[in-house]
Protein backbone atom coordinates (compact mmCIF):
# COMPACT_ATOMS: atom_id res chain seq x y z
CA MET A 1 85.26 96.54 130.45
CA LEU A 2 88.28 98.32 132.08
CA ARG A 3 89.52 95.51 134.76
CA PRO A 4 92.63 93.64 133.60
CA ILE A 5 92.12 90.17 132.54
CA LEU A 6 94.72 87.89 132.40
CA CYS A 7 94.59 85.17 129.44
CA PRO A 8 91.61 86.43 128.35
CA ARG A 9 88.93 84.22 126.31
CA LEU A 10 88.55 84.81 122.96
CA ALA A 11 85.80 84.09 120.62
CA VAL A 12 86.90 84.57 117.03
CA LEU A 13 84.33 85.31 114.05
CA ALA A 14 85.68 84.32 110.30
CA SER A 15 83.41 84.28 107.01
CA GLY A 16 86.71 82.79 105.14
CA GLY A 17 90.30 81.21 104.83
CA GLY A 18 91.07 82.20 108.50
CA THR A 19 94.71 83.57 108.09
CA THR A 20 94.15 85.95 111.01
CA LEU A 21 92.46 83.17 112.99
CA GLN A 22 95.71 81.14 112.31
CA ASN A 23 98.18 84.29 113.49
CA LEU A 24 96.26 84.33 116.65
CA LEU A 25 96.29 80.75 117.06
CA ASP A 26 99.73 80.79 116.32
CA ARG A 27 100.37 83.65 118.93
CA ALA A 28 98.57 82.37 121.56
CA ALA A 29 100.66 78.86 121.35
CA ASP A 30 104.07 80.20 121.19
CA GLY A 31 103.46 83.17 123.89
CA ARG A 32 103.55 85.94 121.78
CA LEU A 33 99.63 86.75 122.74
CA ASP A 34 98.89 85.97 126.38
CA ALA A 35 95.07 84.85 125.59
CA ARG A 36 93.06 81.39 124.77
CA ILE A 37 90.86 81.08 121.84
CA VAL A 38 88.07 78.84 123.30
CA GLY A 39 85.86 78.56 120.14
CA VAL A 40 85.29 80.06 116.17
CA ILE A 41 82.20 81.04 114.26
CA ALA A 42 81.88 81.03 110.87
CA ASN A 43 79.06 81.91 108.76
CA LYS A 44 79.48 79.67 105.86
CA PRO A 45 79.84 75.70 106.59
CA ASP A 46 82.96 75.52 103.64
CA ALA A 47 85.22 78.20 105.73
CA PHE A 48 88.67 76.84 106.17
CA ALA A 49 88.48 78.66 109.06
CA LEU A 50 86.58 75.77 110.45
CA GLU A 51 89.68 73.43 109.72
CA ARG A 52 92.34 75.48 111.41
CA ALA A 53 90.00 75.40 114.32
CA ARG A 54 89.40 71.77 113.73
CA ARG A 55 93.66 71.22 113.59
CA ALA A 56 93.87 73.25 116.79
CA GLY A 57 91.38 71.49 118.97
CA ILE A 58 89.08 74.38 118.95
CA PRO A 59 85.39 73.81 118.94
CA ALA A 60 83.89 75.72 115.91
CA VAL A 61 80.01 76.20 114.67
CA VAL A 62 78.62 77.26 111.39
CA VAL A 63 76.05 79.89 111.96
CA PRO A 64 74.33 80.75 108.68
CA PRO A 65 73.30 84.28 107.97
CA HIS A 66 69.41 83.63 107.34
CA PRO A 67 67.25 84.33 108.55
CA ARG A 68 68.77 87.72 109.02
CA ALA A 69 66.09 88.82 111.56
CA ASP A 70 68.03 86.80 114.63
CA PHE A 71 71.40 86.82 112.99
CA SER A 72 73.23 88.29 115.67
CA LEU A 73 71.16 86.75 118.48
CA ARG A 74 71.91 83.52 117.33
CA VAL A 75 75.87 84.56 116.97
CA PHE A 76 76.04 86.22 120.25
CA ALA A 77 74.37 82.76 121.69
CA ALA A 78 77.06 80.54 120.69
CA VAL A 79 79.46 83.25 121.83
CA ARG A 80 78.01 83.40 125.32
CA ALA A 81 78.33 79.57 125.64
CA TRP A 82 81.83 80.09 125.70
CA SER A 83 81.66 82.27 128.25
CA VAL A 84 84.38 84.84 126.43
CA ASP A 85 85.67 87.84 127.44
CA TYR A 86 86.53 89.00 123.82
CA VAL A 87 85.31 88.39 120.16
CA ALA A 88 87.55 88.91 117.85
CA LEU A 89 86.33 89.60 114.05
CA ALA A 90 88.89 88.14 111.51
CA GLY A 91 87.57 88.27 107.95
CA TRP A 92 84.13 88.53 109.04
CA LEU A 93 81.86 89.78 106.41
CA GLN A 94 78.70 89.99 108.06
CA LEU A 95 77.22 92.69 109.74
CA LEU A 96 76.35 92.44 113.43
CA ALA A 97 74.07 93.99 116.02
CA VAL A 98 76.31 94.24 119.00
CA PRO A 99 74.17 93.67 122.34
CA ASP A 100 74.62 95.35 125.27
CA ASP A 101 76.40 92.95 127.33
CA PHE A 102 79.41 93.00 124.15
CA ARG A 103 80.01 96.90 123.95
CA LEU A 104 83.34 97.28 123.53
CA ARG A 105 84.23 93.90 124.05
CA VAL A 106 83.91 93.11 119.91
CA LEU A 107 87.11 93.86 118.04
CA ASN A 108 87.26 93.88 114.35
CA ILE A 109 90.65 94.33 111.90
CA HIS A 110 90.62 96.24 108.53
CA PRO A 111 92.96 96.28 106.13
CA SER A 112 93.31 100.21 105.43
CA LEU A 113 93.81 103.42 107.77
CA LEU A 114 90.35 103.65 108.77
CA PRO A 115 88.34 106.31 107.88
CA ALA A 116 90.04 105.62 104.72
CA PHE A 117 88.36 102.78 102.58
CA GLY A 118 85.97 101.61 104.86
CA GLY A 119 82.25 100.69 104.80
CA GLN A 120 80.17 97.91 102.97
CA GLY A 121 81.70 96.00 100.08
CA MET A 122 85.45 97.22 101.15
CA TYR A 123 87.27 94.03 102.10
CA GLY A 124 90.42 91.89 100.62
CA ARG A 125 91.32 93.14 97.25
CA HIS A 126 88.74 95.66 97.19
CA VAL A 127 90.63 98.02 99.83
CA HIS A 128 93.76 97.55 98.53
CA GLU A 129 92.55 98.36 94.59
CA ALA A 130 90.51 101.45 96.06
CA ALA A 131 93.87 102.82 97.66
CA LEU A 132 96.03 102.71 94.94
CA ALA A 133 93.42 103.98 92.61
CA ALA A 134 93.38 107.06 94.79
CA GLY A 135 96.95 107.50 94.42
CA VAL A 136 97.55 107.13 98.38
CA LYS A 137 101.54 106.67 99.42
CA VAL A 138 100.62 105.24 102.57
CA SER A 139 98.21 102.14 103.68
CA GLY A 140 98.22 99.98 106.29
CA CYS A 141 95.73 98.61 109.15
CA THR A 142 93.36 99.31 111.60
CA VAL A 143 91.74 97.22 114.95
CA HIS A 144 88.30 98.91 116.23
CA PHE A 145 85.49 98.44 118.55
CA VAL A 146 82.67 96.98 116.51
CA ASP A 147 79.19 99.28 116.65
CA ASP A 148 76.48 98.72 114.69
CA THR A 149 77.77 99.71 111.36
CA TYR A 150 80.53 98.71 109.15
CA ASP A 151 84.08 100.12 110.14
CA THR A 152 83.32 102.98 112.11
CA GLY A 153 83.93 102.12 115.68
CA PRO A 154 86.49 103.58 118.19
CA ILE A 155 89.98 102.91 116.63
CA VAL A 156 92.39 101.05 119.15
CA GLU A 157 95.65 100.33 117.05
CA GLN A 158 96.61 101.22 113.76
CA ARG A 159 99.80 100.48 111.62
CA ALA A 160 101.13 101.98 108.09
CA VAL A 161 102.41 100.46 105.32
CA ASP A 162 104.34 102.37 102.65
CA VAL A 163 102.76 101.73 99.38
CA SER A 164 104.60 104.16 97.35
CA GLY A 165 106.92 103.21 94.29
CA GLY A 166 104.51 101.11 92.16
CA ALA A 167 103.22 98.76 94.40
CA THR A 168 100.30 96.41 92.96
CA ALA A 169 97.45 95.21 94.95
CA GLU A 170 99.35 92.07 95.79
CA ASP A 171 102.10 93.97 97.25
CA VAL A 172 99.96 95.87 99.43
CA ALA A 173 97.84 93.03 100.63
CA LYS A 174 101.20 91.40 101.47
CA ALA A 175 102.36 94.36 103.70
CA VAL A 176 99.21 94.95 105.35
CA PHE A 177 98.86 91.44 106.45
CA ALA A 178 102.50 91.02 107.95
CA ALA A 179 101.29 94.48 109.76
CA GLU A 180 97.91 92.86 110.64
CA CYS A 181 99.51 90.35 112.23
CA GLU A 182 101.41 92.36 114.64
CA ALA A 183 98.68 95.00 115.13
CA TYR A 184 95.60 92.63 116.48
CA PRO A 185 97.54 90.98 118.97
CA ALA A 186 98.79 94.40 120.39
CA ALA A 187 95.29 95.74 120.11
CA ILE A 188 94.08 92.68 122.35
CA THR A 189 96.76 93.48 124.56
CA ARG A 190 95.46 96.62 125.25
CA VAL A 191 92.14 96.00 125.82
CA ALA A 192 92.63 93.11 128.12
CA ALA A 193 95.12 95.41 129.94
CA GLY A 194 92.08 97.06 131.38
CA GLY A 195 92.45 100.76 132.42
CA TRP A 196 91.64 102.41 128.89
CA ARG A 197 89.63 105.35 128.50
CA LEU A 198 87.53 106.49 125.83
CA VAL A 199 87.29 109.98 125.37
CA GLY A 200 84.59 110.73 122.72
CA ARG A 201 85.45 108.00 120.01
CA ARG A 202 89.31 108.27 120.95
CA PHE A 203 91.07 105.53 122.84
CA PHE A 204 93.50 106.07 125.25
CA PRO A 205 95.28 103.18 126.72
CA ALA A 206 96.41 102.65 130.29
CA SER A 207 99.70 104.21 131.37
CA GLY A 208 102.65 101.80 130.52
CA VAL A 209 100.62 99.56 128.12
CA SER A 210 102.41 99.87 124.76
């Protein structure tokens, strides 16, 4: 999808508390993100993201992950009902099979500088503990297109965070989340601006889009 889309319609998928969802809601509300969140999907009925959607007056549904055979089909059926332009995964912990009509229209944010510290089971505190155990001096976050495996799609945006000087996992989590709050809206803006291209796996935004 290379044409520009003004104020794209987003569906947000979340598995837990929805802090990333809340960041997108807040930025869409105050104009820092030119997008409209039109629906929220959770895979668990107790996900607090559902309550955040309710408070914002946004439709929300639960799509349970079982049976697995048709899970992705059920998720994207719900997404299509909202006529969205893009899907944003926000702490979504379920693997999805992306259908052809949503290729390069699904984004995810991961709390490391991929390809480091990605893959199945690498989420939240697990990522930050692994990064510190490896002795890295710099961590960060990555926004990437979603393909059919964990954390392997083409990278759209990355932000680095200094984790040297005795940082704890909690310190890293706070710093990385602050970076995520900037990186995700920036990535959505870049993609919605159109005119971008992929060369191999490298994403190049349209000229003039920062």
